[in-house]
Amino acid sequence: MTLNEMIELVQQHHPDMGETEIQLLINRASDDFCAKTEILKDSFSLGADKDADSTVANKRYYTLPEEILIIREVYLNNVRIPRIIGKPIIDDTTTEEM
């Protein structure tokens, strides 16, 4: 079904709705469906191999894009980092100013 067909179908039942509003709601429904079903899987790389200015020595925290909904695996130097359960054994001595 094309976008125009979906818009026409919605306008049959809601004739007062404009095309822009319908398109925004369809996109929102699509995003919600993809997030709930986890149908789309992608990867994200942060590191010197992608962008020389993206990582800094002794920096522990980085801001991730809003598009990232769930983190499944983390790799460092092609080694999978195990997921931590609970609190780390060693306290984090770095400070993050927000």
C-alpha atoms as a PDB file:
ATOM      1  CA  MET A   1       0.000   0.000   0.000  1.00  0.00           C
ATOM      2  CA  THR A   2       1.416   3.354  -1.003  1.00  0.00           C
ATOM      3  CA  LEU A   3       1.406   6.471   1.143  1.00  0.00           C
ATOM      4  CA  ASN A   4      -1.246   8.083  -1.082  1.00  0.00           C
ATOM      5  CA  GLU A   5      -3.494   5.036  -0.681  1.00  0.00           C
ATOM      6  CA  MET A   6      -3.096   5.177   3.102  1.00  0.00           C
ATOM      7  CA  ILE A   7      -3.898   8.900   3.130  1.00  0.00           C
ATOM      8  CA  GLU A   8      -7.011   8.321   1.025  1.00  0.00           C
ATOM      9  CA  LEU A   9      -8.123   5.490   3.311  1.00  0.00           C
ATOM     10  CA  VAL A  10      -7.756   7.644   6.426  1.00  0.00           C
ATOM     11  CA  GLN A  11      -9.537  10.574   4.757  1.00  0.00           C
ATOM     12  CA  GLN A  12     -12.524   8.329   3.965  1.00  0.00           C
ATOM     13  CA  HIS A  13     -13.097   7.904   7.699  1.00  0.00           C
ATOM     14  CA  HIS A  14     -11.712  11.278   8.825  1.00  0.00           C
ATOM     15  CA  PRO A  15     -12.447  13.801   6.045  1.00  0.00           C
ATOM     16  CA  ASP A  16     -11.349  16.769   8.182  1.00  0.00           C
ATOM     17  CA  MET A  17      -7.749  15.538   8.501  1.00  0.00           C
ATOM     18  CA  GLY A  18      -5.156  17.066   6.212  1.00  0.00           C
ATOM     19  CA  GLU A  19      -2.523  15.119   4.294  1.00  0.00           C
ATOM     20  CA  THR A  20       0.368  16.467   6.379  1.00  0.00           C
ATOM     21  CA  GLU A  21      -1.265  15.440   9.660  1.00  0.00           C
ATOM     22  CA  ILE A  22      -2.038  11.973   8.299  1.00  0.00           C
ATOM     23  CA  GLN A  23       1.511  11.544   7.010  1.00  0.00           C
ATOM     24  CA  LEU A  24       2.955  12.545  10.398  1.00  0.00           C
ATOM     25  CA  LEU A  25       0.692  10.060  12.174  1.00  0.00           C
ATOM     26  CA  ILE A  26       1.582   7.269   9.722  1.00  0.00           C
ATOM     27  CA  ASN A  27       5.297   7.946  10.240  1.00  0.00           C
ATOM     28  CA  ARG A  28       4.801   7.961  14.007  1.00  0.00           C
ATOM     29  CA  ALA A  29       2.919   4.661  13.848  1.00  0.00           C
ATOM     30  CA  SER A  30       5.687   3.181  11.706  1.00  0.00           C
ATOM     31  CA  ASP A  31       8.360   4.310  14.184  1.00  0.00           C
ATOM     32  CA  ASP A  32       6.342   2.896  17.086  1.00  0.00           C
ATOM     33  CA  PHE A  33       5.847  -0.428  15.294  1.00  0.00           C
ATOM     34  CA  CYS A  34       9.562  -0.720  14.502  1.00  0.00           C
ATOM     35  CA  ALA A  35      10.550   0.093  18.089  1.00  0.00           C
ATOM     36  CA  LYS A  36       8.107  -2.370  19.661  1.00  0.00           C
ATOM     37  CA  THR A  37       8.844  -5.247  17.301  1.00  0.00           C
ATOM     38  CA  GLU A  38      12.581  -4.469  17.048  1.00  0.00           C
ATOM     39  CA  ILE A  39      12.235  -5.327  13.370  1.00  0.00           C
ATOM     40  CA  LEU A  40      15.042  -2.967  12.329  1.00  0.00           C
ATOM     41  CA  LYS A  41      18.540  -3.697  13.538  1.00  0.00           C
ATOM     42  CA  ASP A  42      21.470  -1.478  12.712  1.00  0.00           C
ATOM     43  CA  SER A  43      24.948  -0.839  13.996  1.00  0.00           C
ATOM     44  CA  PHE A  44      26.616   2.308  15.266  1.00  0.00           C
ATOM     45  CA  SER A  45      30.359   2.866  15.469  1.00  0.00           C
ATOM     46  CA  LEU A  46      32.119   5.367  17.651  1.00  0.00           C
ATOM     47  CA  GLY A  47      35.853   5.459  17.262  1.00  0.00           C
ATOM     48  CA  ALA A  48      38.956   6.656  15.517  1.00  0.00           C
ATOM     49  CA  ASP A  49      38.391   4.262  12.604  1.00  0.00           C
ATOM     50  CA  LYS A  50      35.202   6.199  11.721  1.00  0.00           C
ATOM     51  CA  ASP A  51      36.062   9.746  12.759  1.00  0.00           C
ATOM     52  CA  ALA A  52      39.424  10.835  14.161  1.00  0.00           C
ATOM     53  CA  ASP A  53      37.779  13.476  16.383  1.00  0.00           C
ATOM     54  CA  SER A  54      35.020  11.222  17.729  1.00  0.00           C
ATOM     55  CA  THR A  55      36.973   9.669  20.620  1.00  0.00           C
ATOM     56  CA  VAL A  56      39.230  11.310  23.170  1.00  0.00           C
ATOM     57  CA  ALA A  57      41.751   9.737  25.549  1.00  0.00           C
ATOM     58  CA  ASN A  58      40.527   9.409  29.158  1.00  0.00           C
ATOM     59  CA  LYS A  59      36.949  10.265  28.231  1.00  0.00           C
ATOM     60  CA  ARG A  60      34.489   7.770  29.673  1.00  0.00           C
ATOM     61  CA  TYR A  61      31.072   9.056  28.592  1.00  0.00           C
ATOM     62  CA  TYR A  62      29.835   9.895  25.109  1.00  0.00           C
ATOM     63  CA  THR A  63      26.472  11.136  23.900  1.00  0.00           C
ATOM     64  CA  LEU A  64      24.718   8.672  21.605  1.00  0.00           C
ATOM     65  CA  PRO A  65      22.270   9.654  18.858  1.00  0.00           C
ATOM     66  CA  GLU A  66      18.585   9.709  19.820  1.00  0.00           C
ATOM     67  CA  GLU A  67      17.852   7.111  17.124  1.00  0.00           C
ATOM     68  CA  ILE A  68      19.486   4.402  19.267  1.00  0.00           C
ATOM     69  CA  LEU A  69      16.706   2.660  21.171  1.00  0.00           C
ATOM     70  CA  ILE A  70      18.490  -0.400  22.541  1.00  0.00           C
ATOM     71  CA  ILE A  71      22.086  -1.541  22.869  1.00  0.00           C
ATOM     72  CA  ARG A  72      22.527  -5.241  22.197  1.00  0.00           C
ATOM     73  CA  GLU A  73      26.300  -5.619  22.109  1.00  0.00           C
ATOM     74  CA  VAL A  74      29.380  -3.513  22.688  1.00  0.00           C
ATOM     75  CA  TYR A  75      32.763  -4.205  21.114  1.00  0.00           C
ATOM     76  CA  LEU A  76      36.130  -2.683  21.918  1.00  0.00           C
ATOM     77  CA  ASN A  77      39.009  -3.462  19.538  1.00  0.00           C
ATOM     78  CA  ASN A  78      36.909  -6.253  17.978  1.00  0.00           C
ATOM     79  CA  VAL A  79      36.377  -7.898  21.387  1.00  0.00           C
ATOM     80  CA  ARG A  80      32.821  -8.257  22.694  1.00  0.00           C
ATOM     81  CA  ILE A  81      32.450  -6.608  26.091  1.00  0.00           C
ATOM     82  CA  PRO A  82      30.248  -8.622  28.498  1.00  0.00           C
ATOM     83  CA  ARG A  83      27.166  -6.904  29.873  1.00  0.00           C
ATOM     84  CA  ILE A  84      27.569  -5.818  33.477  1.00  0.00           C
ATOM     85  CA  ILE A  85      24.869  -6.942  35.881  1.00  0.00           C
ATOM     86  CA  GLY A  86      24.667  -4.924  39.055  1.00  0.00           C
ATOM     87  CA  LYS A  87      27.241  -2.403  40.246  1.00  0.00           C
ATOM     88  CA  PRO A  88      30.849  -2.443  39.027  1.00  0.00           C
ATOM     89  CA  ILE A  89      33.418  -3.809  41.478  1.00  0.00           C
ATOM     90  CA  ILE A  90      35.622  -0.743  41.031  1.00  0.00           C
ATOM     91  CA  ASP A  91      34.131   2.687  41.642  1.00  0.00           C
ATOM     92  CA  ASP A  92      34.093   5.119  38.764  1.00  0.00           C
ATOM     93  CA  THR A  93      36.585   7.812  39.737  1.00  0.00           C
ATOM     94  CA  THR A  94      35.975  10.013  36.720  1.00  0.00           C
ATOM     95  CA  THR A  95      33.457  12.789  36.974  1.00  0.00           C
ATOM     96  CA  GLU A  96      31.000  13.806  34.308  1.00  0.00           C
ATOM     97  CA  GLU A  97      29.917  17.421  34.406  1.00  0.00           C
ATOM     98  CA  MET A  98      26.470  17.964  32.942  1.00  0.00           C
END
